[in-house]
Amino acid sequence: MGKFVIKTTKSGGYTFNLKARNGEIIATGENYESLDSCKNGVNSVITNAPIAALEDQTVEGYQTEKNPKFEVYKDKAGEFRFRLKAKNGQIIATGEGYKAKSSCKDGIESIRKNAVDSEIVEEA
């Protein structure tokens, strides 16, 4: 089972990290102004990650999927990244950069598995 860790940001807002069983961060939330909105973001990941389609934007002529979805793309450094979008199209979580697309997709699968039964912890 993974763990959502909610923490305050330097700007006084809130964000979360989803950590896998081994403690590695596998997804990061957006910045939220309030604790309640951050918790709503966590719940949105729990709800959307298991059912989200996969849209591989690194493939020419890729098929656009409906939200919720994971979007796989290449960043400016040439690394593969993903973002999870909720049903309303807002980005609710992002991932780190991966050298290989297969590793990026493995990260997405880890989120699908870990998000569902993860405990939610608040850190100061």
PDB file of N, CA and C in Angstrom:
ATOM      1  N   MET A   1       0.842  -1.181   0.000  1.00  0.00           N
ATOM      2  CA  MET A   1       0.000   0.000   0.000  1.00  0.00           C
ATOM      3  C   MET A   1       0.882   1.238   0.000  1.00  0.00           C
ATOM      4  N   GLY A   2       0.502   2.209  -0.798  1.00  0.00           N
ATOM      5  CA  GLY A   2       1.228   3.464  -0.855  1.00  0.00           C
ATOM      6  C   GLY A   2       0.726   4.434   0.197  1.00  0.00           C
ATOM      7  N   LYS A   3       1.180   5.685   0.073  1.00  0.00           N
ATOM      8  CA  LYS A   3       0.810   6.690   1.060  1.00  0.00           C
ATOM      9  C   LYS A   3       0.791   8.068   0.400  1.00  0.00           C
ATOM     10  N   PHE A   4      -0.295   8.800   0.623  1.00  0.00           N
ATOM     11  CA  PHE A   4      -0.359  10.197   0.222  1.00  0.00           C
ATOM     12  C   PHE A   4       0.161  11.030   1.386  1.00  0.00           C
ATOM     13  N   VAL A   5       1.145  11.865   1.121  1.00  0.00           N
ATOM     14  CA  VAL A   5       1.702  12.740   2.147  1.00  0.00           C
ATOM     15  C   VAL A   5       1.366  14.179   1.776  1.00  0.00           C
ATOM     16  N   ILE A   6       0.546  14.810   2.597  1.00  0.00           N
ATOM     17  CA  ILE A   6       0.155  16.206   2.394  1.00  0.00           C
ATOM     18  C   ILE A   6       1.087  17.080   3.211  1.00  0.00           C
ATOM     19  N   LYS A   7       1.607  18.118   2.580  1.00  0.00           N
ATOM     20  CA  LYS A   7       2.512  19.019   3.302  1.00  0.00           C
ATOM     21  C   LYS A   7       2.267  20.462   2.884  1.00  0.00           C
ATOM     22  N   THR A   8       2.710  21.375   3.732  1.00  0.00           N
ATOM     23  CA  THR A   8       2.597  22.790   3.411  1.00  0.00           C
ATOM     24  C   THR A   8       3.745  23.188   2.487  1.00  0.00           C
ATOM     25  N   THR A   9       3.485  24.182   1.658  1.00  0.00           N
ATOM     26  CA  THR A   9       4.507  24.677   0.739  1.00  0.00           C
ATOM     27  C   THR A   9       5.126  25.950   1.328  1.00  0.00           C
ATOM     28  N   LYS A  10       6.229  26.375   0.762  1.00  0.00           N
ATOM     29  CA  LYS A  10       6.902  27.588   1.230  1.00  0.00           C
ATOM     30  C   LYS A  10       6.011  28.819   1.089  1.00  0.00           C
ATOM     31  N   SER A  11       5.092  28.764   0.126  1.00  0.00           N
ATOM     32  CA  SER A  11       4.193  29.907  -0.097  1.00  0.00           C
ATOM     33  C   SER A  11       2.981  29.891   0.831  1.00  0.00           C
ATOM     34  N   GLY A  12       2.906  28.870   1.700  1.00  0.00           N
ATOM     35  CA  GLY A  12       1.795  28.796   2.641  1.00  0.00           C
ATOM     36  C   GLY A  12       0.614  27.983   2.156  1.00  0.00           C
ATOM     37  N   GLY A  13       0.742  27.393   0.981  1.00  0.00           N
ATOM     38  CA  GLY A  13      -0.312  26.534   0.452  1.00  0.00           C
ATOM     39  C   GLY A  13      -0.059  25.084   0.829  1.00  0.00           C
ATOM     40  N   TYR A  14      -0.638  24.184   0.050  1.00  0.00           N
ATOM     41  CA  TYR A  14      -0.525  22.751   0.315  1.00  0.00           C
ATOM     42  C   TYR A  14      -0.276  21.992  -0.980  1.00  0.00           C
ATOM     43  N   THR A  15       0.395  20.870  -0.851  1.00  0.00           N
ATOM     44  CA  THR A  15       0.593  19.949  -1.967  1.00  0.00           C
ATOM     45  C   THR A  15       0.661  18.544  -1.406  1.00  0.00           C
ATOM     46  N   PHE A  16       0.692  17.554  -2.288  1.00  0.00           N
ATOM     47  CA  PHE A  16       0.821  16.175  -1.825  1.00  0.00           C
ATOM     48  C   PHE A  16       1.770  15.410  -2.728  1.00  0.00           C
ATOM     49  N   ASN A  17       2.340  14.359  -2.149  1.00  0.00           N
ATOM     50  CA  ASN A  17       3.111  13.371  -2.897  1.00  0.00           C
ATOM     51  C   ASN A  17       2.478  12.022  -2.667  1.00  0.00           C
ATOM     52  N   LEU A  18       2.396  11.227  -3.704  1.00  0.00           N
ATOM     53  CA  LEU A  18       1.995   9.834  -3.558  1.00  0.00           C
ATOM     54  C   LEU A  18       3.281   9.024  -3.543  1.00  0.00           C
ATOM     55  N   LYS A  19       3.486   8.285  -2.445  1.00  0.00           N
ATOM     56  CA  LYS A  19       4.684   7.471  -2.303  1.00  0.00           C
ATOM     57  C   LYS A  19       4.321   5.999  -2.444  1.00  0.00           C
ATOM     58  N   ALA A  20       5.182   5.264  -3.150  1.00  0.00           N
ATOM     59  CA  ALA A  20       4.998   3.823  -3.296  1.00  0.00           C
ATOM     60  C   ALA A  20       5.380   3.131  -1.985  1.00  0.00           C
ATOM     61  N   ARG A  21       5.172   1.829  -1.943  1.00  0.00           N
ATOM     62  CA  ARG A  21       5.497   1.046  -0.743  1.00  0.00           C
ATOM     63  C   ARG A  21       6.945   1.233  -0.304  1.00  0.00           C
ATOM     64  N   ASN A  22       7.843   1.412  -1.269  1.00  0.00           N
ATOM     65  CA  ASN A  22       9.269   1.554  -0.958  1.00  0.00           C
ATOM     66  C   ASN A  22       9.647   2.981  -0.552  1.00  0.00           C
ATOM     67  N   GLY A  23       8.668   3.890  -0.467  1.00  0.00           N
ATOM     68  CA  GLY A  23       8.915   5.260  -0.053  1.00  0.00           C
ATOM     69  C   GLY A  23       9.249   6.210  -1.194  1.00  0.00           C
ATOM     70  N   GLU A  24       9.379   5.681  -2.406  1.00  0.00           N
ATOM     71  CA  GLU A  24       9.705   6.517  -3.554  1.00  0.00           C
ATOM     72  C   GLU A  24       8.490   7.333  -3.984  1.00  0.00           C
ATOM     73  N   ILE A  25       8.705   8.621  -4.285  1.00  0.00           N
ATOM     74  CA  ILE A  25       7.622   9.486  -4.755  1.00  0.00           C
ATOM     75  C   ILE A  25       7.294   9.103  -6.200  1.00  0.00           C
ATOM     76  N   ILE A  26       6.031   8.767  -6.450  1.00  0.00           N
ATOM     77  CA  ILE A  26       5.622   8.360  -7.799  1.00  0.00           C
ATOM     78  C   ILE A  26       4.694   9.380  -8.462  1.00  0.00           C
ATOM     79  N   ALA A  27       4.164  10.314  -7.679  1.00  0.00           N
ATOM     80  CA  ALA A  27       3.327  11.380  -8.246  1.00  0.00           C
ATOM     81  C   ALA A  27       3.305  12.559  -7.286  1.00  0.00           C
ATOM     82  N   THR A  28       3.181  13.743  -7.853  1.00  0.00           N
ATOM     83  CA  THR A  28       3.130  14.974  -7.075  1.00  0.00           C
ATOM     84  C   THR A  28       1.890  15.751  -7.474  1.00  0.00           C
ATOM     85  N   GLY A  29       1.226  16.315  -6.476  1.00  0.00           N
ATOM     86  CA  GLY A  29       0.025  17.092  -6.734  1.00  0.00           C
ATOM     87  C   GLY A  29       0.351  18.525  -7.086  1.00  0.00           C
ATOM     88  N   GLU A  30      -0.654  19.233  -7.512  1.00  0.00           N
ATOM     89  CA  GLU A  30      -0.538  20.649  -7.804  1.00  0.00           C
ATOM     90  C   GLU A  30      -0.468  21.419  -6.484  1.00  0.00           C
ATOM     91  N   ASN A  31      -0.275  22.717  -6.552  1.00  0.00           N
ATOM     92  CA  ASN A  31      -0.296  23.566  -5.353  1.00  0.00           C
ATOM     93  C   ASN A  31      -1.725  24.017  -5.099  1.00  0.00           C
ATOM     94  N   TYR A  32      -2.153  23.896  -3.842  1.00  0.00           N
ATOM     95  CA  TYR A  32      -3.504  24.260  -3.443  1.00  0.00           C
ATOM     96  C   TYR A  32      -3.441  25.337  -2.369  1.00  0.00           C
ATOM     97  N   GLU A  33      -4.433  26.213  -2.348  1.00  0.00           N
ATOM     98  CA  GLU A  33      -4.469  27.296  -1.366  1.00  0.00           C
ATOM     99  C   GLU A  33      -4.907  26.813   0.010  1.00  0.00           C
ATOM    100  N   SER A  34      -5.783  25.795   0.051  1.00  0.00           N
ATOM    101  CA  SER A  34      -6.300  25.330   1.338  1.00  0.00           C
ATOM    102  C   SER A  34      -6.075  23.835   1.516  1.00  0.00           C
ATOM    103  N   LEU A  35      -6.083  23.415   2.773  1.00  0.00           N
ATOM    104  CA  LEU A  35      -5.927  22.001   3.092  1.00  0.00           C
ATOM    105  C   LEU A  35      -7.085  21.190   2.513  1.00  0.00           C
ATOM    106  N   ASP A  36      -8.297  21.731   2.608  1.00  0.00           N
ATOM    107  CA  ASP A  36      -9.468  21.017   2.084  1.00  0.00           C
ATOM    108  C   ASP A  36      -9.367  20.797   0.577  1.00  0.00           C
ATOM    109  N   SER A  37      -8.912  21.812  -0.162  1.00  0.00           N
ATOM    110  CA  SER A  37      -8.791  21.643  -1.615  1.00  0.00           C
ATOM    111  C   SER A  37      -7.676  20.642  -1.944  1.00  0.00           C
ATOM    112  N   CYS A  38      -6.615  20.595  -1.141  1.00  0.00           N
ATOM    113  CA  CYS A  38      -5.564  19.605  -1.347  1.00  0.00           C
ATOM    114  C   CYS A  38      -6.109  18.191  -1.113  1.00  0.00           C
ATOM    115  N   LYS A  39      -6.893  18.034  -0.058  1.00  0.00           N
ATOM    116  CA  LYS A  39      -7.512  16.724   0.220  1.00  0.00           C
ATOM    117  C   LYS A  39      -8.459  16.329  -0.913  1.00  0.00           C
ATOM    118  N   ASN A  40      -9.153  17.308  -1.482  1.00  0.00           N
ATOM    119  CA  ASN A  40     -10.011  17.022  -2.644  1.00  0.00           C
ATOM    120  C   ASN A  40      -9.166  16.541  -3.819  1.00  0.00           C
ATOM    121  N   GLY A  41      -7.976  17.130  -3.996  1.00  0.00           N
ATOM    122  CA  GLY A  41      -7.052  16.689  -5.040  1.00  0.00           C
ATOM    123  C   GLY A  41      -6.614  15.247  -4.833  1.00  0.00           C
ATOM    124  N   VAL A  42      -6.296  14.895  -3.596  1.00  0.00           N
ATOM    125  CA  VAL A  42      -5.926  13.510  -3.265  1.00  0.00           C
ATOM    126  C   VAL A  42      -7.073  12.574  -3.611  1.00  0.00           C
ATOM    127  N   ASN A  43      -8.280  12.934  -3.197  1.00  0.00           N
ATOM    128  CA  ASN A  43      -9.445  12.088  -3.477  1.00  0.00           C
ATOM    129  C   ASN A  43      -9.706  11.972  -4.976  1.00  0.00           C
ATOM    130  N   SER A  44      -9.401  13.020  -5.713  1.00  0.00           N
ATOM    131  CA  SER A  44      -9.556  12.973  -7.160  1.00  0.00           C
ATOM    132  C   SER A  44      -8.562  11.982  -7.784  1.00  0.00           C
ATOM    133  N   VAL A  45      -7.345  11.950  -7.282  1.00  0.00           N
ATOM    134  CA  VAL A  45      -6.368  10.964  -7.767  1.00  0.00           C
ATOM    135  C   VAL A  45      -6.849   9.548  -7.447  1.00  0.00           C
ATOM    136  N   ILE A  46      -7.330   9.348  -6.223  1.00  0.00           N
ATOM    137  CA  ILE A  46      -7.824   8.026  -5.812  1.00  0.00           C
ATOM    138  C   ILE A  46      -8.949   7.575  -6.731  1.00  0.00           C
ATOM    139  N   THR A  47      -9.845   8.492  -7.074  1.00  0.00           N
ATOM    140  CA  THR A  47     -10.996   8.179  -7.924  1.00  0.00           C
ATOM    141  C   THR A  47     -10.612   7.987  -9.385  1.00  0.00           C
ATOM    142  N   ASN A  48      -9.762   8.865  -9.911  1.00  0.00           N
ATOM    143  CA  ASN A  48      -9.499   8.901 -11.348  1.00  0.00           C
ATOM    144  C   ASN A  48      -8.363   8.001 -11.826  1.00  0.00           C
ATOM    145  N   ALA A  49      -7.319   7.814 -11.035  1.00  0.00           N
ATOM    146  CA  ALA A  49      -6.151   7.050 -11.493  1.00  0.00           C
ATOM    147  C   ALA A  49      -6.500   5.632 -11.974  1.00  0.00           C
ATOM    148  N   PRO A  50      -7.323   4.889 -11.231  1.00  0.00           N
ATOM    149  CA  PRO A  50      -7.594   3.515 -11.677  1.00  0.00           C
ATOM    150  C   PRO A  50      -8.360   3.409 -12.995  1.00  0.00           C
ATOM    151  N   ILE A  51      -9.137   4.443 -13.331  1.00  0.00           N
ATOM    152  CA  ILE A  51      -9.988   4.369 -14.528  1.00  0.00           C
ATOM    153  C   ILE A  51      -9.490   5.237 -15.678  1.00  0.00           C
ATOM    154  N   ALA A  52      -8.412   5.983 -15.447  1.00  0.00           N
ATOM    155  CA  ALA A  52      -7.929   6.939 -16.455  1.00  0.00           C
ATOM    156  C   ALA A  52      -7.386   6.219 -17.685  1.00  0.00           C
ATOM    157  N   ALA A  53      -7.736   6.747 -18.844  1.00  0.00           N
ATOM    158  CA  ALA A  53      -7.199   6.240 -20.110  1.00  0.00           C
ATOM    159  C   ALA A  53      -5.740   6.674 -20.225  1.00  0.00           C
ATOM    160  N   LEU A  54      -5.033   6.096 -21.187  1.00  0.00           N
ATOM    161  CA  LEU A  54      -3.641   6.470 -21.440  1.00  0.00           C
ATOM    162  C   LEU A  54      -3.553   7.111 -22.817  1.00  0.00           C
ATOM    163  N   GLU A  55      -3.082   8.355 -22.849  1.00  0.00           N
ATOM    164  CA  GLU A  55      -2.919   9.089 -24.100  1.00  0.00           C
ATOM    165  C   GLU A  55      -1.417   9.320 -24.306  1.00  0.00           C
ATOM    166  N   ASP A  56      -0.850   8.630 -25.270  1.00  0.00           N
ATOM    167  CA  ASP A  56       0.585   8.724 -25.538  1.00  0.00           C
ATOM    168  C   ASP A  56       0.839   9.806 -26.572  1.00  0.00           C
ATOM    169  N   GLN A  57       1.185  10.990 -26.100  1.00  0.00           N
ATOM    170  CA  GLN A  57       1.387  12.130 -26.986  1.00  0.00           C
ATOM    171  C   GLN A  57       2.750  12.108 -27.672  1.00  0.00           C
ATOM    172  N   THR A  58       3.543  11.073 -27.413  1.00  0.00           N
ATOM    173  CA  THR A  58       4.854  10.961 -28.062  1.00  0.00           C
ATOM    174  C   THR A  58       4.757  10.223 -29.386  1.00  0.00           C
ATOM    175  N   VAL A  59       3.580   9.700 -29.690  1.00  0.00           N
ATOM    176  CA  VAL A  59       3.362   8.969 -30.929  1.00  0.00           C
ATOM    177  C   VAL A  59       2.692   9.895 -31.944  1.00  0.00           C
ATOM    178  N   GLU A  60       3.235   9.940 -33.135  1.00  0.00           N
ATOM    179  CA  GLU A  60       2.654  10.792 -34.168  1.00  0.00           C
ATOM    180  C   GLU A  60       1.231  10.330 -34.477  1.00  0.00           C
ATOM    181  N   GLY A  61       0.308  11.281 -34.547  1.00  0.00           N
ATOM    182  CA  GLY A  61      -1.083  10.960 -34.861  1.00  0.00           C
ATOM    183  C   GLY A  61      -1.801  10.257 -33.720  1.00  0.00           C
ATOM    184  N   TYR A  62      -1.353  10.475 -32.476  1.00  0.00           N
ATOM    185  CA  TYR A  62      -1.964   9.800 -31.324  1.00  0.00           C
ATOM    186  C   TYR A  62      -3.453  10.114 -31.237  1.00  0.00           C
ATOM    187  N   GLN A  63      -4.177   9.178 -30.634  1.00  0.00           N
ATOM    188  CA  GLN A  63      -5.619   9.348 -30.457  1.00  0.00           C
ATOM    189  C   GLN A  63      -5.879  10.122 -29.171  1.00  0.00           C
ATOM    190  N   THR A  64      -6.673  11.172 -29.261  1.00  0.00           N
ATOM    191  CA  THR A  64      -7.048  11.951 -28.089  1.00  0.00           C
ATOM    192  C   THR A  64      -8.069  11.169 -27.278  1.00  0.00           C
ATOM    193  N   GLU A  65      -7.782  10.999 -25.988  1.00  0.00           N
ATOM    194  CA  GLU A  65      -8.667  10.260 -25.093  1.00  0.00           C
ATOM    195  C   GLU A  65      -9.519  11.234 -24.287  1.00  0.00           C
ATOM    196  N   LYS A  66     -10.637  10.717 -23.787  1.00  0.00           N
ATOM    197  CA  LYS A  66     -11.491  11.518 -22.912  1.00  0.00           C
ATOM    198  C   LYS A  66     -10.876  11.540 -21.517  1.00  0.00           C
ATOM    199  N   ASN A  67     -11.168  12.613 -20.778  1.00  0.00           N
ATOM    200  CA  ASN A  67     -10.766  12.679 -19.372  1.00  0.00           C
ATOM    201  C   ASN A  67     -11.678  11.787 -18.545  1.00  0.00           C
ATOM    202  N   PRO A  68     -11.188  11.183 -17.482  1.00  0.00           N
ATOM    203  CA  PRO A  68      -9.852  11.300 -16.922  1.00  0.00           C
ATOM    204  C   PRO A  68      -8.846  10.529 -17.782  1.00  0.00           C
ATOM    205  N   LYS A  69      -7.613  11.034 -17.771  1.00  0.00           N
ATOM    206  CA  LYS A  69      -6.579  10.372 -18.556  1.00  0.00           C
ATOM    207  C   LYS A  69      -5.187  10.704 -18.040  1.00  0.00           C
ATOM    208  N   PHE A  70      -4.271   9.790 -18.316  1.00  0.00           N
ATOM    209  CA  PHE A  70      -2.853  10.038 -18.144  1.00  0.00           C
ATOM    210  C   PHE A  70      -2.326  10.476 -19.500  1.00  0.00           C
ATOM    211  N   GLU A  71      -1.644  11.604 -19.546  1.00  0.00           N
ATOM    212  CA  GLU A  71      -1.007  12.060 -20.772  1.00  0.00           C
ATOM    213  C   GLU A  71       0.497  11.804 -20.646  1.00  0.00           C
ATOM    214  N   VAL A  72       1.047  11.038 -21.567  1.00  0.00           N
ATOM    215  CA  VAL A  72       2.489  10.806 -21.627  1.00  0.00           C
ATOM    216  C   VAL A  72       3.054  11.749 -22.679  1.00  0.00           C
ATOM    217  N   TYR A  73       4.116  12.475 -22.320  1.00  0.00           N
ATOM    218  CA  TYR A  73       4.706  13.447 -23.236  1.00  0.00           C
ATOM    219  C   TYR A  73       6.204  13.536 -22.982  1.00  0.00           C
ATOM    220  N   LYS A  74       6.912  14.198 -23.889  1.00  0.00           N
ATOM    221  CA  LYS A  74       8.345  14.444 -23.713  1.00  0.00           C
ATOM    222  C   LYS A  74       8.543  15.893 -23.275  1.00  0.00           C
ATOM    223  N   ASP A  75       9.399  16.090 -22.268  1.00  0.00           N
ATOM    224  CA  ASP A  75       9.676  17.445 -21.811  1.00  0.00           C
ATOM    225  C   ASP A  75      10.823  18.065 -22.617  1.00  0.00           C
ATOM    226  N   LYS A  76      11.197  19.288 -22.284  1.00  0.00           N
ATOM    227  CA  LYS A  76      12.236  20.004 -23.029  1.00  0.00           C
ATOM    228  C   LYS A  76      13.583  19.298 -22.962  1.00  0.00           C
ATOM    229  N   ALA A  77      13.812  18.520 -21.891  1.00  0.00           N
ATOM    230  CA  ALA A  77      15.076  17.791 -21.733  1.00  0.00           C
ATOM    231  C   ALA A  77      15.059  16.453 -22.470  1.00  0.00           C
ATOM    232  N   GLY A  78      13.924  16.133 -23.113  1.00  0.00           N
ATOM    233  CA  GLY A  78      13.817  14.877 -23.856  1.00  0.00           C
ATOM    234  C   GLY A  78      13.418  13.691 -22.998  1.00  0.00           C
ATOM    235  N   GLU A  79      12.997  13.954 -21.754  1.00  0.00           N
ATOM    236  CA  GLU A  79      12.569  12.866 -20.875  1.00  0.00           C
ATOM    237  C   GLU A  79      11.058  12.663 -20.992  1.00  0.00           C
ATOM    238  N   PHE A  80      10.637  11.441 -20.699  1.00  0.00           N
ATOM    239  CA  PHE A  80       9.215  11.106 -20.727  1.00  0.00           C
ATOM    240  C   PHE A  80       8.596  11.464 -19.382  1.00  0.00           C
ATOM    241  N   ARG A  81       7.460  12.108 -19.437  1.00  0.00           N
ATOM    242  CA  ARG A  81       6.723  12.507 -18.237  1.00  0.00           C
ATOM    243  C   ARG A  81       5.243  12.183 -18.430  1.00  0.00           C
ATOM    244  N   PHE A  82       4.509  12.240 -17.322  1.00  0.00           N
ATOM    245  CA  PHE A  82       3.063  12.076 -17.415  1.00  0.00           C
ATOM    246  C   PHE A  82       2.383  13.099 -16.528  1.00  0.00           C
ATOM    247  N   ARG A  83       1.148  13.369 -16.872  1.00  0.00           N
ATOM    248  CA  ARG A  83       0.272  14.168 -16.022  1.00  0.00           C
ATOM    249  C   ARG A  83      -1.076  13.455 -15.998  1.00  0.00           C
ATOM    250  N   LEU A  84      -1.704  13.465 -14.848  1.00  0.00           N
ATOM    251  CA  LEU A  84      -3.031  12.879 -14.682  1.00  0.00           C
ATOM    252  C   LEU A  84      -4.039  14.010 -14.673  1.00  0.00           C
ATOM    253  N   LYS A  85      -5.001  13.903 -15.581  1.00  0.00           N
ATOM    254  CA  LYS A  85      -6.064  14.903 -15.653  1.00  0.00           C
ATOM    255  C   LYS A  85      -7.368  14.298 -15.140  1.00  0.00           C
ATOM    256  N   ALA A  86      -8.097  15.099 -14.368  1.00  0.00           N
ATOM    257  CA  ALA A  86      -9.395  14.681 -13.833  1.00  0.00           C
ATOM    258  C   ALA A  86     -10.460  14.758 -14.922  1.00  0.00           C
ATOM    259  N   LYS A  87     -11.654  14.359 -14.571  1.00  0.00           N
ATOM    260  CA  LYS A  87     -12.767  14.387 -15.530  1.00  0.00           C
ATOM    261  C   LYS A  87     -13.016  15.783 -16.080  1.00  0.00           C
ATOM    262  N   ASN A  88     -12.726  16.826 -15.269  1.00  0.00           N
ATOM    263  CA  ASN A  88     -12.949  18.201 -15.710  1.00  0.00           C
ATOM    264  C   ASN A  88     -11.772  18.765 -16.509  1.00  0.00           C
ATOM    265  N   GLY A  89     -10.741  17.953 -16.739  1.00  0.00           N
ATOM    266  CA  GLY A  89      -9.599  18.371 -17.538  1.00  0.00           C
ATOM    267  C   GLY A  89      -8.477  19.036 -16.761  1.00  0.00           C
ATOM    268  N   GLN A  90      -8.658  19.238 -15.457  1.00  0.00           N
ATOM    269  CA  GLN A  90      -7.608  19.850 -14.651  1.00  0.00           C
ATOM    270  C   GLN A  90      -6.524  18.826 -14.321  1.00  0.00           C
ATOM    271  N   ILE A  91      -5.270  19.293 -14.312  1.00  0.00           N
ATOM    272  CA  ILE A  91      -4.156  18.432 -13.925  1.00  0.00           C
ATOM    273  C   ILE A  91      -4.203  18.245 -12.415  1.00  0.00           C
ATOM    274  N   ILE A  92      -4.205  16.984 -11.974  1.00  0.00           N
ATOM    275  CA  ILE A  92      -4.270  16.703 -10.539  1.00  0.00           C
ATOM    276  C   ILE A  92      -3.002  16.043 -10.017  1.00  0.00           C
ATOM    277  N   ALA A  93      -2.157  15.525 -10.898  1.00  0.00           N
ATOM    278  CA  ALA A  93      -0.890  14.928 -10.462  1.00  0.00           C
ATOM    279  C   ALA A  93       0.062  14.858 -11.654  1.00  0.00           C
ATOM    280  N   THR A  94       1.354  14.937 -11.349  1.00  0.00           N
ATOM    281  CA  THR A  94       2.387  14.828 -12.373  1.00  0.00           C
ATOM    282  C   THR A  94       3.461  13.871 -11.892  1.00  0.00           C
ATOM    283  N   GLY A  95       4.272  13.416 -12.831  1.00  0.00           N
ATOM    284  CA  GLY A  95       5.355  12.503 -12.495  1.00  0.00           C
ATOM    285  C   GLY A  95       6.708  13.081 -12.825  1.00  0.00           C
ATOM    286  N   GLU A  96       7.732  12.399 -12.360  1.00  0.00           N
ATOM    287  CA  GLU A  96       9.105  12.813 -12.632  1.00  0.00           C
ATOM    288  C   GLU A  96       9.473  12.493 -14.077  1.00  0.00           C
ATOM    289  N   GLY A  97      10.651  12.919 -14.498  1.00  0.00           N
ATOM    290  CA  GLY A  97      11.136  12.605 -15.831  1.00  0.00           C
ATOM    291  C   GLY A  97      11.770  11.228 -15.873  1.00  0.00           C
ATOM    292  N   TYR A  98      11.503  10.490 -16.943  1.00  0.00           N
ATOM    293  CA  TYR A  98      12.047   9.143 -17.141  1.00  0.00           C
ATOM    294  C   TYR A  98      12.829   9.117 -18.449  1.00  0.00           C
ATOM    295  N   LYS A  99      13.926   8.402 -18.463  1.00  0.00           N
ATOM    296  CA  LYS A  99      14.732   8.266 -19.684  1.00  0.00           C
ATOM    297  C   LYS A  99      14.007   7.395 -20.715  1.00  0.00           C
ATOM    298  N   ALA A 100      13.287   6.374 -20.237  1.00  0.00           N
ATOM    299  CA  ALA A 100      12.603   5.426 -21.130  1.00  0.00           C
ATOM    300  C   ALA A 100      11.087   5.548 -20.984  1.00  0.00           C
ATOM    301  N   LYS A 101      10.384   5.463 -22.104  1.00  0.00           N
ATOM    302  CA  LYS A 101       8.924   5.522 -22.074  1.00  0.00           C
ATOM    303  C   LYS A 101       8.343   4.371 -21.264  1.00  0.00           C
ATOM    304  N   SER A 102       8.963   3.202 -21.352  1.00  0.00           N
ATOM    305  CA  SER A 102       8.459   2.042 -20.601  1.00  0.00           C
ATOM    306  C   SER A 102       8.503   2.309 -19.092  1.00  0.00           C
ATOM    307  N   SER A 103       9.531   3.007 -18.627  1.00  0.00           N
ATOM    308  CA  SER A 103       9.624   3.346 -17.204  1.00  0.00           C
ATOM    309  C   SER A 103       8.530   4.333 -16.812  1.00  0.00           C
ATOM    310  N   CYS A 104       8.219   5.261 -17.687  1.00  0.00           N
ATOM    311  CA  CYS A 104       7.136   6.221 -17.453  1.00  0.00           C
ATOM    312  C   CYS A 104       5.809   5.477 -17.329  1.00  0.00           C
ATOM    313  N   LYS A 105       5.579   4.541 -18.219  1.00  0.00           N
ATOM    314  CA  LYS A 105       4.340   3.757 -18.172  1.00  0.00           C
ATOM    315  C   LYS A 105       4.290   2.884 -16.932  1.00  0.00           C
ATOM    316  N   ASP A 106       5.444   2.362 -16.490  1.00  0.00           N
ATOM    317  CA  ASP A 106       5.496   1.596 -15.236  1.00  0.00           C
ATOM    318  C   ASP A 106       5.111   2.490 -14.058  1.00  0.00           C
ATOM    319  N   GLY A 107       5.552   3.755 -14.102  1.00  0.00           N
ATOM    320  CA  GLY A 107       5.184   4.712 -13.060  1.00  0.00           C
ATOM    321  C   GLY A 107       3.684   4.934 -13.004  1.00  0.00           C
ATOM    322  N   ILE A 108       3.060   5.024 -14.151  1.00  0.00           N
ATOM    323  CA  ILE A 108       1.602   5.184 -14.224  1.00  0.00           C
ATOM    324  C   ILE A 108       0.907   3.972 -13.609  1.00  0.00           C
ATOM    325  N   GLU A 109       1.382   2.780 -13.949  1.00  0.00           N
ATOM    326  CA  GLU A 109       0.774   1.562 -13.387  1.00  0.00           C
ATOM    327  C   GLU A 109       0.941   1.518 -11.874  1.00  0.00           C
ATOM    328  N   SER A 110       2.071   1.993 -11.382  1.00  0.00           N
ATOM    329  CA  SER A 110       2.301   2.045  -9.936  1.00  0.00           C
ATOM    330  C   SER A 110       1.298   2.985  -9.266  1.00  0.00           C
ATOM    331  N   ILE A 111       1.003   4.094  -9.919  1.00  0.00           N
ATOM    332  CA  ILE A 111       0.008   5.027  -9.379  1.00  0.00           C
ATOM    333  C   ILE A 111      -1.369   4.376  -9.359  1.00  0.00           C
ATOM    334  N   ARG A 112      -1.718   3.707 -10.434  1.00  0.00           N
ATOM    335  CA  ARG A 112      -3.027   3.023 -10.487  1.00  0.00           C
ATOM    336  C   ARG A 112      -3.174   2.060  -9.302  1.00  0.00           C
ATOM    337  N   LYS A 113      -2.109   1.320  -9.007  1.00  0.00           N
ATOM    338  CA  LYS A 113      -2.150   0.323  -7.924  1.00  0.00           C
ATOM    339  C   LYS A 113      -2.096   0.970  -6.546  1.00  0.00           C
ATOM    340  N   ASN A 114      -1.207   1.940  -6.373  1.00  0.00           N
ATOM    341  CA  ASN A 114      -0.966   2.503  -5.045  1.00  0.00           C
ATOM    342  C   ASN A 114      -2.002   3.518  -4.592  1.00  0.00           C
ATOM    343  N   ALA A 115      -2.647   4.202  -5.512  1.00  0.00           N
ATOM    344  CA  ALA A 115      -3.572   5.271  -5.127  1.00  0.00           C
ATOM    345  C   ALA A 115      -4.802   4.754  -4.399  1.00  0.00           C
ATOM    346  N   VAL A 116      -5.286   3.606  -4.788  1.00  0.00           N
ATOM    347  CA  VAL A 116      -6.582   3.128  -4.312  1.00  0.00           C
ATOM    348  C   VAL A 116      -6.650   2.943  -2.800  1.00  0.00           C
ATOM    349  N   ASP A 117      -5.732   2.212  -2.221  1.00  0.00           N
ATOM    350  CA  ASP A 117      -5.796   1.884  -0.797  1.00  0.00           C
ATOM    351  C   ASP A 117      -4.773   2.635   0.048  1.00  0.00           C
ATOM    352  N   SER A 118      -4.258   3.721  -0.466  1.00  0.00           N
ATOM    353  CA  SER A 118      -3.220   4.451   0.241  1.00  0.00           C
ATOM    354  C   SER A 118      -3.779   5.206   1.437  1.00  0.00           C
ATOM    355  N   GLU A 119      -2.974   5.242   2.489  1.00  0.00           N
ATOM    356  CA  GLU A 119      -3.363   6.060   3.636  1.00  0.00           C
ATOM    357  C   GLU A 119      -3.025   7.526   3.315  1.00  0.00           C
ATOM    358  N   ILE A 120      -3.670   8.435   3.990  1.00  0.00           N
ATOM    359  CA  ILE A 120      -3.436   9.868   3.794  1.00  0.00           C
ATOM    360  C   ILE A 120      -2.851  10.421   5.090  1.00  0.00           C
ATOM    361  N   VAL A 121      -1.668  11.016   4.971  1.00  0.00           N
ATOM    362  CA  VAL A 121      -0.939  11.524   6.136  1.00  0.00           C
ATOM    363  C   VAL A 121      -0.668  13.011   5.940  1.00  0.00           C
ATOM    364  N   GLU A 122      -0.859  13.795   6.984  1.00  0.00           N
ATOM    365  CA  GLU A 122      -0.539  15.218   6.928  1.00  0.00           C
ATOM    366  C   GLU A 122       0.762  15.465   7.671  1.00  0.00           C
ATOM    367  N   GLU A 123       1.706  16.149   7.009  1.00  0.00           N
ATOM    368  CA  GLU A 123       2.962  16.515   7.654  1.00  0.00           C
ATOM    369  C   GLU A 123       2.996  18.011   7.851  1.00  0.00           C
ATOM    370  N   ALA A 124       3.666  18.438   8.885  1.00  0.00           N
ATOM    371  CA  ALA A 124       3.768  19.874   9.168  1.00  0.00           C
ATOM    372  C   ALA A 124       4.718  20.543   8.207  1.00  0.00           C
TER     373      ALA A 124
END
